[in-house]
Amino acid sequence: MAAVSARLLQVVDHEDPFIAEASGHLAAAGGKRFRPLLTLLASEVGTGWNAEVVEAAVGVELTHLASLYHDDVMDEADLRRGVPSANARYGNSTAILVGDLLFGTASAVVADLGPEAVKIQAQTFVRLCAGQIRDDLQTASQSGHGAALAGDAQDAAAVSAYLDILADKTGALIATAARYGGLFGGCDDATVVTLTNYGEKLGVVFQLADDLLDVSSGAGTSGKTPGTDLREGKATLPVLYARTSADPADARLLELTRGPISDPTELDEALGLLRAHPAMDQALDHTRRVALDARALLDGLPEGPAVQALRSLVDGVALRAS
């Protein structure tokens, strides 16, 4: 990871001091570096990491960083990775433009890896944006577009629509992280497909855990502003499970989570009610089941330290939500 981190800081640098500072703002704040770690781990299923694997890992992390700049503008977030978000520090316009700049930088890095890598990057970017668009359209203000998510956890269509959004907005890039690792780590075609499928399922687990943490964690724990999904009226899995309740005592929670919550006092109330609700445990159990599905995808790969590490990775991601 040291090689990836050093290269990342190198490519986000810029001759203009302000652009260099804004571009490196979130990179310097640290973060889990989850996606490049997955690229390196996936390469170990083959012949191991090399210069191309490192470049691919950097390209994936740059794409992720760029998406965070845009996400925080859309979410009107104040915190990211325990520091002021880029939009809070530099304003919305600069945050959007720096995100665009980082997407361009990611494309430049990936371009040196050849046409197949460029096509994968482009396809990933399309899915990431499509998932984010559909996620944004599910709020009450766009109810005509988000009708599939108007149901509850007993509605297969609602759960499927939710998981499809997660597969695109989060799973696609994590799938590419694993795919690049296998591709540039010398794995055969079948193994690359397995790693890609595992990566996408892992990405869904990652986002399911994130959605739970958005409810259960405070800003000091997660490094992000809590309750963002509730504020925006998004029907994440805990909300879908809460909607299955017929208990009159849950009427207030169901009323609050029917759409966006603009009042800070009501948002705190909704967070308190949802944190104490059985829906959180139900959503956690669902997350663990998806994690088992991700683990099972690795069963066809030869046993070894790398595959064991990939199993441990999905277990650790699921545990984040506990």
C-alpha atoms as a PDB file:
ATOM      1  CA  MET A   1       0.000   0.000   0.000  1.00  0.00           C
ATOM      2  CA  ALA A   2       2.948   2.333   0.514  1.00  0.00           C
ATOM      3  CA  ALA A   3       3.594   2.363  -3.235  1.00  0.00           C
ATOM      4  CA  VAL A   4      -0.056   3.131  -3.950  1.00  0.00           C
ATOM      5  CA  SER A   5      -0.191   5.946  -1.386  1.00  0.00           C
ATOM      6  CA  ALA A   6       3.000   7.540  -2.682  1.00  0.00           C
ATOM      7  CA  ARG A   7       1.815   7.378  -6.282  1.00  0.00           C
ATOM      8  CA  LEU A   8      -1.604   8.737  -5.341  1.00  0.00           C
ATOM      9  CA  LEU A   9      -0.112  11.819  -3.707  1.00  0.00           C
ATOM     10  CA  GLN A  10       2.112  12.280  -6.737  1.00  0.00           C
ATOM     11  CA  VAL A  11      -0.706  12.259  -9.293  1.00  0.00           C
ATOM     12  CA  VAL A  12      -3.056  14.544  -7.324  1.00  0.00           C
ATOM     13  CA  ASP A  13      -0.367  17.218  -7.149  1.00  0.00           C
ATOM     14  CA  HIS A  14      -0.725  20.210  -9.458  1.00  0.00           C
ATOM     15  CA  GLU A  15       1.399  23.167 -10.510  1.00  0.00           C
ATOM     16  CA  ASP A  16      -1.242  25.552  -9.170  1.00  0.00           C
ATOM     17  CA  PRO A  17      -0.950  25.550  -5.334  1.00  0.00           C
ATOM     18  CA  PHE A  18      -4.680  26.045  -4.746  1.00  0.00           C
ATOM     19  CA  ILE A  19      -5.668  23.250  -7.137  1.00  0.00           C
ATOM     20  CA  ALA A  20      -3.028  21.012  -5.569  1.00  0.00           C
ATOM     21  CA  GLU A  21      -4.407  21.695  -2.099  1.00  0.00           C
ATOM     22  CA  ALA A  22      -8.053  21.159  -3.082  1.00  0.00           C
ATOM     23  CA  SER A  23      -7.256  18.030  -5.111  1.00  0.00           C
ATOM     24  CA  GLY A  24      -5.283  16.524  -2.259  1.00  0.00           C
ATOM     25  CA  HIS A  25      -7.737  17.535   0.468  1.00  0.00           C
ATOM     26  CA  LEU A  26      -9.486  14.183   0.885  1.00  0.00           C
ATOM     27  CA  ALA A  27      -6.481  12.098  -0.134  1.00  0.00           C
ATOM     28  CA  ALA A  28      -4.466  13.710   2.660  1.00  0.00           C
ATOM     29  CA  ALA A  29      -7.287  12.989   5.129  1.00  0.00           C
ATOM     30  CA  GLY A  30      -6.528   9.294   4.794  1.00  0.00           C
ATOM     31  CA  GLY A  31      -9.504   6.975   4.566  1.00  0.00           C
ATOM     32  CA  LYS A  32      -9.620   3.206   4.419  1.00  0.00           C
ATOM     33  CA  ARG A  33      -8.031   2.867   0.944  1.00  0.00           C
ATOM     34  CA  PHE A  34     -10.381  -0.105   0.671  1.00  0.00           C
ATOM     35  CA  ARG A  35     -10.540  -0.238  -3.123  1.00  0.00           C
ATOM     36  CA  PRO A  36      -6.788  -0.169  -3.849  1.00  0.00           C
ATOM     37  CA  LEU A  37      -6.280  -2.722  -1.083  1.00  0.00           C
ATOM     38  CA  LEU A  38      -8.721  -5.008  -2.885  1.00  0.00           C
ATOM     39  CA  THR A  39      -6.827  -4.516  -6.161  1.00  0.00           C
ATOM     40  CA  LEU A  40      -3.585  -5.573  -4.492  1.00  0.00           C
ATOM     41  CA  LEU A  41      -5.221  -8.543  -2.745  1.00  0.00           C
ATOM     42  CA  ALA A  42      -6.893  -9.734  -5.950  1.00  0.00           C
ATOM     43  CA  SER A  43      -3.549  -9.625  -7.764  1.00  0.00           C
ATOM     44  CA  GLU A  44      -2.153 -12.046  -5.171  1.00  0.00           C
ATOM     45  CA  VAL A  45      -4.601 -14.678  -6.422  1.00  0.00           C
ATOM     46  CA  GLY A  46      -2.424 -14.582  -9.540  1.00  0.00           C
ATOM     47  CA  THR A  47       1.266 -13.693  -9.710  1.00  0.00           C
ATOM     48  CA  GLY A  48       1.074 -10.777  -7.281  1.00  0.00           C
ATOM     49  CA  TRP A  49       1.281  -7.037  -7.543  1.00  0.00           C
ATOM     50  CA  ASN A  50       3.507  -5.191 -10.002  1.00  0.00           C
ATOM     51  CA  ALA A  51       3.758  -1.681 -11.441  1.00  0.00           C
ATOM     52  CA  GLU A  52       0.577  -2.105 -13.511  1.00  0.00           C
ATOM     53  CA  VAL A  53      -1.379  -3.340 -10.503  1.00  0.00           C
ATOM     54  CA  VAL A  54      -0.243  -0.288  -8.532  1.00  0.00           C
ATOM     55  CA  GLU A  55      -1.315   2.053 -11.347  1.00  0.00           C
ATOM     56  CA  ALA A  56      -4.693   0.307 -11.565  1.00  0.00           C
ATOM     57  CA  ALA A  57      -5.137   0.629  -7.799  1.00  0.00           C
ATOM     58  CA  VAL A  58      -4.348   4.347  -8.009  1.00  0.00           C
ATOM     59  CA  GLY A  59      -6.845   4.793 -10.861  1.00  0.00           C
ATOM     60  CA  VAL A  60      -9.580   3.124  -8.828  1.00  0.00           C
ATOM     61  CA  GLU A  61      -8.872   5.225  -5.734  1.00  0.00           C
ATOM     62  CA  LEU A  62      -8.822   8.445  -7.774  1.00  0.00           C
ATOM     63  CA  THR A  63     -12.213   7.545  -9.229  1.00  0.00           C
ATOM     64  CA  HIS A  64     -13.537   6.933  -5.731  1.00  0.00           C
ATOM     65  CA  LEU A  65     -12.098  10.215  -4.426  1.00  0.00           C
ATOM     66  CA  ALA A  66     -13.643  12.121  -7.322  1.00  0.00           C
ATOM     67  CA  SER A  67     -17.040  10.622  -6.559  1.00  0.00           C
ATOM     68  CA  LEU A  68     -16.750  11.744  -2.909  1.00  0.00           C
ATOM     69  CA  TYR A  69     -16.327  15.377  -3.945  1.00  0.00           C
ATOM     70  CA  HIS A  70     -19.542  15.148  -5.955  1.00  0.00           C
ATOM     71  CA  ASP A  71     -21.410  13.102  -3.311  1.00  0.00           C
ATOM     72  CA  ASP A  72     -20.715  15.663  -0.613  1.00  0.00           C
ATOM     73  CA  VAL A  73     -22.098  18.462  -2.762  1.00  0.00           C
ATOM     74  CA  MET A  74     -25.250  16.453  -3.449  1.00  0.00           C
ATOM     75  CA  ASP A  75     -25.624  15.489   0.220  1.00  0.00           C
ATOM     76  CA  GLU A  76     -24.735  18.979   1.490  1.00  0.00           C
ATOM     77  CA  ALA A  77     -22.336  17.191   3.822  1.00  0.00           C
ATOM     78  CA  ASP A  78     -20.163  19.035   6.306  1.00  0.00           C
ATOM     79  CA  LEU A  79     -17.756  16.227   7.193  1.00  0.00           C
ATOM     80  CA  ARG A  80     -15.799  13.601   5.293  1.00  0.00           C
ATOM     81  CA  ARG A  81     -13.090  11.397   6.791  1.00  0.00           C
ATOM     82  CA  GLY A  82     -13.238  13.440   9.974  1.00  0.00           C
ATOM     83  CA  VAL A  83     -12.347  16.740   8.252  1.00  0.00           C
ATOM     84  CA  PRO A  84     -14.495  19.448   6.629  1.00  0.00           C
ATOM     85  CA  SER A  85     -15.858  18.189   3.317  1.00  0.00           C
ATOM     86  CA  ALA A  86     -14.484  19.791   0.170  1.00  0.00           C
ATOM     87  CA  ASN A  87     -17.747  21.643  -0.448  1.00  0.00           C
ATOM     88  CA  ALA A  88     -17.742  22.985   3.121  1.00  0.00           C
ATOM     89  CA  ARG A  89     -14.158  24.160   2.771  1.00  0.00           C
ATOM     90  CA  TYR A  90     -13.987  25.371  -0.828  1.00  0.00           C
ATOM     91  CA  GLY A  91     -17.621  25.794  -1.907  1.00  0.00           C
ATOM     92  CA  ASN A  92     -19.820  23.730  -4.192  1.00  0.00           C
ATOM     93  CA  SER A  93     -18.469  24.970  -7.510  1.00  0.00           C
ATOM     94  CA  THR A  94     -14.844  24.240  -6.636  1.00  0.00           C
ATOM     95  CA  ALA A  95     -15.731  20.847  -5.138  1.00  0.00           C
ATOM     96  CA  ILE A  96     -17.552  19.829  -8.330  1.00  0.00           C
ATOM     97  CA  LEU A  97     -14.710  21.015 -10.553  1.00  0.00           C
ATOM     98  CA  VAL A  98     -12.053  19.291  -8.440  1.00  0.00           C
ATOM     99  CA  GLY A  99     -14.110  16.104  -8.636  1.00  0.00           C
ATOM    100  CA  ASP A 100     -14.134  16.458 -12.421  1.00  0.00           C
ATOM    101  CA  LEU A 101     -10.392  17.077 -12.395  1.00  0.00           C
ATOM    102  CA  LEU A 102      -9.808  13.895 -10.376  1.00  0.00           C
ATOM    103  CA  PHE A 103     -11.979  11.876 -12.748  1.00  0.00           C
ATOM    104  CA  GLY A 104      -9.790  13.189 -15.562  1.00  0.00           C
ATOM    105  CA  THR A 105      -6.638  12.305 -13.643  1.00  0.00           C
ATOM    106  CA  ALA A 106      -7.958   8.790 -13.031  1.00  0.00           C
ATOM    107  CA  SER A 107      -8.620   8.402 -16.764  1.00  0.00           C
ATOM    108  CA  ALA A 108      -5.086   9.533 -17.575  1.00  0.00           C
ATOM    109  CA  VAL A 109      -3.615   6.979 -15.172  1.00  0.00           C
ATOM    110  CA  VAL A 110      -5.784   4.165 -16.529  1.00  0.00           C
ATOM    111  CA  ALA A 111      -5.040   5.119 -20.147  1.00  0.00           C
ATOM    112  CA  ASP A 112      -1.443   3.981 -19.697  1.00  0.00           C
ATOM    113  CA  LEU A 113      -2.744   0.484 -18.894  1.00  0.00           C
ATOM    114  CA  GLY A 114      -4.191  -0.078 -22.365  1.00  0.00           C
ATOM    115  CA  PRO A 115      -7.533   0.013 -24.208  1.00  0.00           C
ATOM    116  CA  GLU A 116      -9.187  -2.777 -22.199  1.00  0.00           C
ATOM    117  CA  ALA A 117      -8.552  -0.925 -18.942  1.00  0.00           C
ATOM    118  CA  VAL A 118      -9.893   2.301 -20.464  1.00  0.00           C
ATOM    119  CA  LYS A 119     -13.096   0.564 -21.575  1.00  0.00           C
ATOM    120  CA  ILE A 120     -13.556  -0.981 -18.124  1.00  0.00           C
ATOM    121  CA  GLN A 121     -13.060   2.441 -16.553  1.00  0.00           C
ATOM    122  CA  ALA A 122     -15.638   4.025 -18.867  1.00  0.00           C
ATOM    123  CA  GLN A 123     -18.211   1.281 -18.237  1.00  0.00           C
ATOM    124  CA  THR A 124     -17.651   1.581 -14.502  1.00  0.00           C
ATOM    125  CA  PHE A 125     -18.122   5.333 -14.602  1.00  0.00           C
ATOM    126  CA  VAL A 126     -21.426   4.950 -16.468  1.00  0.00           C
ATOM    127  CA  ARG A 127     -22.725   2.472 -13.886  1.00  0.00           C
ATOM    128  CA  LEU A 128     -21.532   4.589 -10.965  1.00  0.00           C
ATOM    129  CA  CYS A 129     -23.364   7.642 -12.306  1.00  0.00           C
ATOM    130  CA  ALA A 130     -26.502   5.673 -13.223  1.00  0.00           C
ATOM    131  CA  GLY A 131     -26.669   4.235  -9.718  1.00  0.00           C
ATOM    132  CA  GLN A 132     -26.234   7.651  -8.145  1.00  0.00           C
ATOM    133  CA  ILE A 133     -28.925   9.147 -10.375  1.00  0.00           C
ATOM    134  CA  ARG A 134     -31.425   6.411  -9.446  1.00  0.00           C
ATOM    135  CA  ASP A 135     -30.491   6.781  -5.786  1.00  0.00           C
ATOM    136  CA  ASP A 136     -31.143  10.509  -5.965  1.00  0.00           C
ATOM    137  CA  LEU A 137     -34.485  10.028  -7.735  1.00  0.00           C
ATOM    138  CA  GLN A 138     -35.957   7.811  -5.025  1.00  0.00           C
ATOM    139  CA  THR A 139     -36.692  10.704  -2.644  1.00  0.00           C
ATOM    140  CA  ALA A 140     -40.255  11.836  -2.060  1.00  0.00           C
ATOM    141  CA  SER A 141     -39.774  14.871  -4.272  1.00  0.00           C
ATOM    142  CA  GLN A 142     -39.121  12.494  -7.170  1.00  0.00           C
ATOM    143  CA  SER A 143     -41.672   9.877  -6.098  1.00  0.00           C
ATOM    144  CA  GLY A 144     -42.797   9.170  -9.625  1.00  0.00           C
ATOM    145  CA  HIS A 145     -39.322   7.925 -10.489  1.00  0.00           C
ATOM    146  CA  GLY A 146     -38.721   6.133  -7.185  1.00  0.00           C
ATOM    147  CA  ALA A 147     -41.991   4.201  -7.039  1.00  0.00           C
ATOM    148  CA  ALA A 148     -40.240   0.821  -6.788  1.00  0.00           C
ATOM    149  CA  LEU A 149     -38.824   1.852  -3.428  1.00  0.00           C
ATOM    150  CA  ALA A 150     -42.185   2.935  -2.003  1.00  0.00           C
ATOM    151  CA  GLY A 151     -42.693  -0.569  -0.580  1.00  0.00           C
ATOM    152  CA  ASP A 152     -41.135  -2.362   2.363  1.00  0.00           C
ATOM    153  CA  ALA A 153     -38.775  -5.268   3.056  1.00  0.00           C
ATOM    154  CA  GLN A 154     -41.552  -7.770   2.352  1.00  0.00           C
ATOM    155  CA  ASP A 155     -41.840  -6.335  -1.149  1.00  0.00           C
ATOM    156  CA  ALA A 156     -39.312  -8.179  -3.307  1.00  0.00           C
ATOM    157  CA  ALA A 157     -39.400  -5.431  -5.932  1.00  0.00           C
ATOM    158  CA  ALA A 158     -38.504  -2.750  -3.389  1.00  0.00           C
ATOM    159  CA  VAL A 159     -35.561  -4.724  -1.977  1.00  0.00           C
ATOM    160  CA  SER A 160     -34.371  -5.650  -5.477  1.00  0.00           C
ATOM    161  CA  ALA A 161     -34.543  -2.008  -6.621  1.00  0.00           C
ATOM    162  CA  TYR A 162     -32.550  -0.933  -3.577  1.00  0.00           C
ATOM    163  CA  LEU A 163     -29.872  -3.601  -4.060  1.00  0.00           C
ATOM    164  CA  ASP A 164     -29.633  -2.784  -7.780  1.00  0.00           C
ATOM    165  CA  ILE A 165     -28.876   0.840  -6.890  1.00  0.00           C
ATOM    166  CA  LEU A 166     -26.145  -0.290  -4.492  1.00  0.00           C
ATOM    167  CA  ALA A 167     -24.656  -2.640  -7.098  1.00  0.00           C
ATOM    168  CA  ASP A 168     -24.264   0.279  -9.490  1.00  0.00           C
ATOM    169  CA  LYS A 169     -23.319   3.205  -7.259  1.00  0.00           C
ATOM    170  CA  THR A 170     -20.899   1.245  -5.030  1.00  0.00           C
ATOM    171  CA  GLY A 171     -20.526  -2.310  -6.309  1.00  0.00           C
ATOM    172  CA  ALA A 172     -19.418  -1.381  -9.829  1.00  0.00           C
ATOM    173  CA  LEU A 173     -16.222   0.399  -8.764  1.00  0.00           C
ATOM    174  CA  ILE A 174     -15.325  -2.230  -6.163  1.00  0.00           C
ATOM    175  CA  ALA A 175     -15.899  -4.903  -8.828  1.00  0.00           C
ATOM    176  CA  THR A 176     -13.475  -3.017 -11.073  1.00  0.00           C
ATOM    177  CA  ALA A 177     -10.924  -2.846  -8.259  1.00  0.00           C
ATOM    178  CA  ALA A 178     -10.976  -6.650  -7.987  1.00  0.00           C
ATOM    179  CA  ARG A 179     -11.094  -7.069 -11.768  1.00  0.00           C
ATOM    180  CA  TYR A 180      -8.030  -4.908 -12.327  1.00  0.00           C
ATOM    181  CA  GLY A 181      -6.136  -6.864  -9.682  1.00  0.00           C
ATOM    182  CA  GLY A 182      -6.882 -10.152 -11.377  1.00  0.00           C
ATOM    183  CA  LEU A 183      -6.351  -8.796 -14.878  1.00  0.00           C
ATOM    184  CA  PHE A 184      -2.965  -7.169 -14.232  1.00  0.00           C
ATOM    185  CA  GLY A 185      -1.957  -9.795 -11.670  1.00  0.00           C
ATOM    186  CA  GLY A 186      -1.840 -12.508 -14.317  1.00  0.00           C
ATOM    187  CA  CYS A 187      -5.027 -14.412 -13.486  1.00  0.00           C
ATOM    188  CA  ASP A 188      -6.811 -16.465 -16.141  1.00  0.00           C
ATOM    189  CA  ASP A 189     -10.095 -15.235 -17.619  1.00  0.00           C
ATOM    190  CA  ALA A 190     -12.303 -17.423 -15.424  1.00  0.00           C
ATOM    191  CA  THR A 191     -10.584 -16.203 -12.268  1.00  0.00           C
ATOM    192  CA  VAL A 192     -10.933 -12.575 -13.359  1.00  0.00           C
ATOM    193  CA  VAL A 193     -14.679 -13.124 -13.814  1.00  0.00           C
ATOM    194  CA  THR A 194     -14.924 -14.716 -10.358  1.00  0.00           C
ATOM    195  CA  LEU A 195     -13.021 -11.851  -8.753  1.00  0.00           C
ATOM    196  CA  THR A 196     -15.210  -9.298 -10.549  1.00  0.00           C
ATOM    197  CA  ASN A 197     -18.421 -10.950  -9.363  1.00  0.00           C
ATOM    198  CA  TYR A 198     -17.028 -11.209  -5.842  1.00  0.00           C
ATOM    199  CA  GLY A 199     -16.041  -7.543  -5.925  1.00  0.00           C
ATOM    200  CA  GLU A 200     -19.510  -6.402  -6.925  1.00  0.00           C
ATOM    201  CA  LYS A 201     -21.165  -8.454  -4.179  1.00  0.00           C
ATOM    202  CA  LEU A 202     -18.569  -7.170  -1.713  1.00  0.00           C
ATOM    203  CA  GLY A 203     -19.446  -3.639  -2.794  1.00  0.00           C
ATOM    204  CA  VAL A 204     -23.106  -4.232  -2.009  1.00  0.00           C
ATOM    205  CA  VAL A 205     -22.133  -5.494   1.472  1.00  0.00           C
ATOM    206  CA  PHE A 206     -19.949  -2.409   1.902  1.00  0.00           C
ATOM    207  CA  GLN A 207     -22.821  -0.055   1.077  1.00  0.00           C
ATOM    208  CA  LEU A 208     -25.337  -1.998   3.183  1.00  0.00           C
ATOM    209  CA  ALA A 209     -22.958  -1.591   6.122  1.00  0.00           C
ATOM    210  CA  ASP A 210     -22.502   2.104   5.307  1.00  0.00           C
ATOM    211  CA  ASP A 211     -26.258   2.630   5.266  1.00  0.00           C
ATOM    212  CA  LEU A 212     -26.535   1.031   8.704  1.00  0.00           C
ATOM    213  CA  LEU A 213     -23.656   3.163  10.000  1.00  0.00           C
ATOM    214  CA  ASP A 214     -25.407   6.277   8.684  1.00  0.00           C
ATOM    215  CA  VAL A 215     -28.058   5.558  11.311  1.00  0.00           C
ATOM    216  CA  SER A 216     -26.090   3.973  14.146  1.00  0.00           C
ATOM    217  CA  SER A 217     -22.896   6.045  14.264  1.00  0.00           C
ATOM    218  CA  GLY A 218     -22.133   9.568  15.349  1.00  0.00           C
ATOM    219  CA  ALA A 219     -19.923  11.906  13.345  1.00  0.00           C
ATOM    220  CA  GLY A 220     -17.004  11.224  15.677  1.00  0.00           C
ATOM    221  CA  THR A 221     -17.185   7.514  14.881  1.00  0.00           C
ATOM    222  CA  SER A 222     -17.835   7.471  11.149  1.00  0.00           C
ATOM    223  CA  GLY A 223     -16.095  10.713  10.147  1.00  0.00           C
ATOM    224  CA  LYS A 224     -19.237  11.656   8.179  1.00  0.00           C
ATOM    225  CA  THR A 225     -22.418  13.551   8.933  1.00  0.00           C
ATOM    226  CA  PRO A 226     -24.907  11.001  10.373  1.00  0.00           C
ATOM    227  CA  GLY A 227     -28.506  10.712   9.197  1.00  0.00           C
ATOM    228  CA  THR A 228     -27.786  11.872   5.649  1.00  0.00           C
ATOM    229  CA  ASP A 229     -30.020   9.222   4.059  1.00  0.00           C
ATOM    230  CA  LEU A 230     -32.910   9.982   6.404  1.00  0.00           C
ATOM    231  CA  ARG A 231     -32.552  13.701   5.787  1.00  0.00           C
ATOM    232  CA  GLU A 232     -32.796  13.090   2.043  1.00  0.00           C
ATOM    233  CA  GLY A 233     -35.732  10.688   2.374  1.00  0.00           C
ATOM    234  CA  LYS A 234     -33.910   7.655   0.982  1.00  0.00           C
ATOM    235  CA  ALA A 235     -35.421   4.228   1.574  1.00  0.00           C
ATOM    236  CA  THR A 236     -32.384   2.298   2.782  1.00  0.00           C
ATOM    237  CA  LEU A 237     -32.733  -1.229   4.122  1.00  0.00           C
ATOM    238  CA  PRO A 238     -33.412  -0.244   7.768  1.00  0.00           C
ATOM    239  CA  VAL A 239     -36.276   1.983   6.574  1.00  0.00           C
ATOM    240  CA  LEU A 240     -37.655  -0.782   4.335  1.00  0.00           C
ATOM    241  CA  TYR A 241     -37.684  -3.162   7.314  1.00  0.00           C
ATOM    242  CA  ALA A 242     -39.227  -0.544   9.611  1.00  0.00           C
ATOM    243  CA  ARG A 243     -42.072  -0.127   7.136  1.00  0.00           C
ATOM    244  CA  THR A 244     -43.115  -3.748   7.686  1.00  0.00           C
ATOM    245  CA  SER A 245     -44.195  -2.893  11.239  1.00  0.00           C
ATOM    246  CA  ALA A 246     -47.912  -2.834  12.081  1.00  0.00           C
ATOM    247  CA  ASP A 247     -47.230  -1.733  15.661  1.00  0.00           C
ATOM    248  CA  PRO A 248     -49.091   1.523  16.453  1.00  0.00           C
ATOM    249  CA  ALA A 249     -46.050   2.552  18.525  1.00  0.00           C
ATOM    250  CA  ASP A 250     -44.076   2.857  15.281  1.00  0.00           C
ATOM    251  CA  ALA A 251     -46.485   5.325  13.700  1.00  0.00           C
ATOM    252  CA  ARG A 252     -44.256   8.319  14.423  1.00  0.00           C
ATOM    253  CA  LEU A 253     -41.166   6.638  12.921  1.00  0.00           C
ATOM    254  CA  LEU A 254     -43.099   5.680   9.801  1.00  0.00           C
ATOM    255  CA  GLU A 255     -44.411   9.223   9.476  1.00  0.00           C
ATOM    256  CA  LEU A 256     -40.935  10.734   9.789  1.00  0.00           C
ATOM    257  CA  THR A 257     -39.331   8.333   7.300  1.00  0.00           C
ATOM    258  CA  ARG A 258     -42.015   8.796   4.652  1.00  0.00           C
ATOM    259  CA  GLY A 259     -39.928  11.476   2.933  1.00  0.00           C
ATOM    260  CA  PRO A 260     -37.071  13.946   3.406  1.00  0.00           C
ATOM    261  CA  ILE A 261     -36.560  15.375   6.922  1.00  0.00           C
ATOM    262  CA  SER A 262     -35.518  19.020   6.813  1.00  0.00           C
ATOM    263  CA  ASP A 263     -35.987  19.863  10.486  1.00  0.00           C
ATOM    264  CA  PRO A 264     -32.862  18.994  12.576  1.00  0.00           C
ATOM    265  CA  THR A 265     -34.973  18.193  15.641  1.00  0.00           C
ATOM    266  CA  GLU A 266     -37.119  15.759  13.669  1.00  0.00           C
ATOM    267  CA  LEU A 267     -34.002  14.209  12.145  1.00  0.00           C
ATOM    268  CA  ASP A 268     -32.597  13.558  15.624  1.00  0.00           C
ATOM    269  CA  GLU A 269     -35.950  12.092  16.633  1.00  0.00           C
ATOM    270  CA  ALA A 270     -36.022   9.793  13.602  1.00  0.00           C
ATOM    271  CA  LEU A 271     -32.456   8.647  14.249  1.00  0.00           C
ATOM    272  CA  GLY A 272     -33.291   7.840  17.869  1.00  0.00           C
ATOM    273  CA  LEU A 273     -36.416   5.886  16.955  1.00  0.00           C
ATOM    274  CA  LEU A 274     -34.733   3.940  14.162  1.00  0.00           C
ATOM    275  CA  ARG A 275     -31.647   3.123  16.235  1.00  0.00           C
ATOM    276  CA  ALA A 276     -33.882   1.474  18.833  1.00  0.00           C
ATOM    277  CA  HIS A 277     -36.046  -0.363  16.288  1.00  0.00           C
ATOM    278  CA  PRO A 278     -35.761  -4.097  15.437  1.00  0.00           C
ATOM    279  CA  ALA A 279     -35.395  -3.026  11.796  1.00  0.00           C
ATOM    280  CA  MET A 280     -31.711  -2.348  12.473  1.00  0.00           C
ATOM    281  CA  ASP A 281     -31.070  -5.960  13.503  1.00  0.00           C
ATOM    282  CA  GLN A 282     -33.133  -7.206  10.566  1.00  0.00           C
ATOM    283  CA  ALA A 283     -31.097  -5.098   8.154  1.00  0.00           C
ATOM    284  CA  LEU A 284     -27.888  -6.326   9.782  1.00  0.00           C
ATOM    285  CA  ASP A 285     -28.970  -9.954   9.330  1.00  0.00           C
ATOM    286  CA  HIS A 286     -29.714  -9.218   5.682  1.00  0.00           C
ATOM    287  CA  THR A 287     -26.255  -7.695   5.276  1.00  0.00           C
ATOM    288  CA  ARG A 288     -24.663 -10.808   6.746  1.00  0.00           C
ATOM    289  CA  ARG A 289     -26.570 -13.017   4.296  1.00  0.00           C
ATOM    290  CA  VAL A 290     -25.261 -11.000   1.350  1.00  0.00           C
ATOM    291  CA  ALA A 291     -21.755 -11.312   2.843  1.00  0.00           C
ATOM    292  CA  LEU A 292     -22.138 -15.105   2.861  1.00  0.00           C
ATOM    293  CA  ASP A 293     -23.118 -14.941  -0.812  1.00  0.00           C
ATOM    294  CA  ALA A 294     -19.938 -12.967  -1.537  1.00  0.00           C
ATOM    295  CA  ARG A 295     -17.827 -15.512   0.351  1.00  0.00           C
ATOM    296  CA  ALA A 296     -19.383 -18.379  -1.578  1.00  0.00           C
ATOM    297  CA  LEU A 297     -18.268 -16.858  -4.891  1.00  0.00           C
ATOM    298  CA  LEU A 298     -14.660 -17.570  -3.877  1.00  0.00           C
ATOM    299  CA  ASP A 299     -15.246 -21.298  -3.403  1.00  0.00           C
ATOM    300  CA  GLY A 300     -14.114 -22.140  -6.931  1.00  0.00           C
ATOM    301  CA  LEU A 301     -10.705 -20.495  -6.503  1.00  0.00           C
ATOM    302  CA  PRO A 302      -7.615 -22.434  -5.361  1.00  0.00           C
ATOM    303  CA  GLU A 303      -7.110 -22.160  -1.628  1.00  0.00           C
ATOM    304  CA  GLY A 304      -4.259 -19.970  -0.454  1.00  0.00           C
ATOM    305  CA  PRO A 305      -3.437 -16.899   1.624  1.00  0.00           C
ATOM    306  CA  ALA A 306      -4.919 -14.475  -0.927  1.00  0.00           C
ATOM    307  CA  VAL A 307      -8.299 -16.216  -1.083  1.00  0.00           C
ATOM    308  CA  GLN A 308      -8.358 -16.495   2.704  1.00  0.00           C
ATOM    309  CA  ALA A 309      -7.648 -12.766   2.910  1.00  0.00           C
ATOM    310  CA  LEU A 310     -10.525 -12.020   0.513  1.00  0.00           C
ATOM    311  CA  ARG A 311     -12.870 -14.064   2.723  1.00  0.00           C
ATOM    312  CA  SER A 312     -11.665 -12.171   5.782  1.00  0.00           C
ATOM    313  CA  LEU A 313     -12.175  -8.900   3.943  1.00  0.00           C
ATOM    314  CA  VAL A 314     -15.871  -9.487   3.311  1.00  0.00           C
ATOM    315  CA  ASP A 315     -16.299 -10.663   6.911  1.00  0.00           C
ATOM    316  CA  GLY A 316     -14.660  -7.463   8.156  1.00  0.00           C
ATOM    317  CA  VAL A 317     -16.842  -5.303   5.919  1.00  0.00           C
ATOM    318  CA  ALA A 318     -19.995  -6.944   7.277  1.00  0.00           C
ATOM    319  CA  LEU A 319     -18.756  -6.517  10.846  1.00  0.00           C
ATOM    320  CA  ARG A 320     -18.507  -2.738  10.338  1.00  0.00           C
ATOM    321  CA  ALA A 321     -22.274  -2.615  10.625  1.00  0.00           C
ATOM    322  CA  SER A 322     -22.415  -4.532  13.933  1.00  0.00           C
END
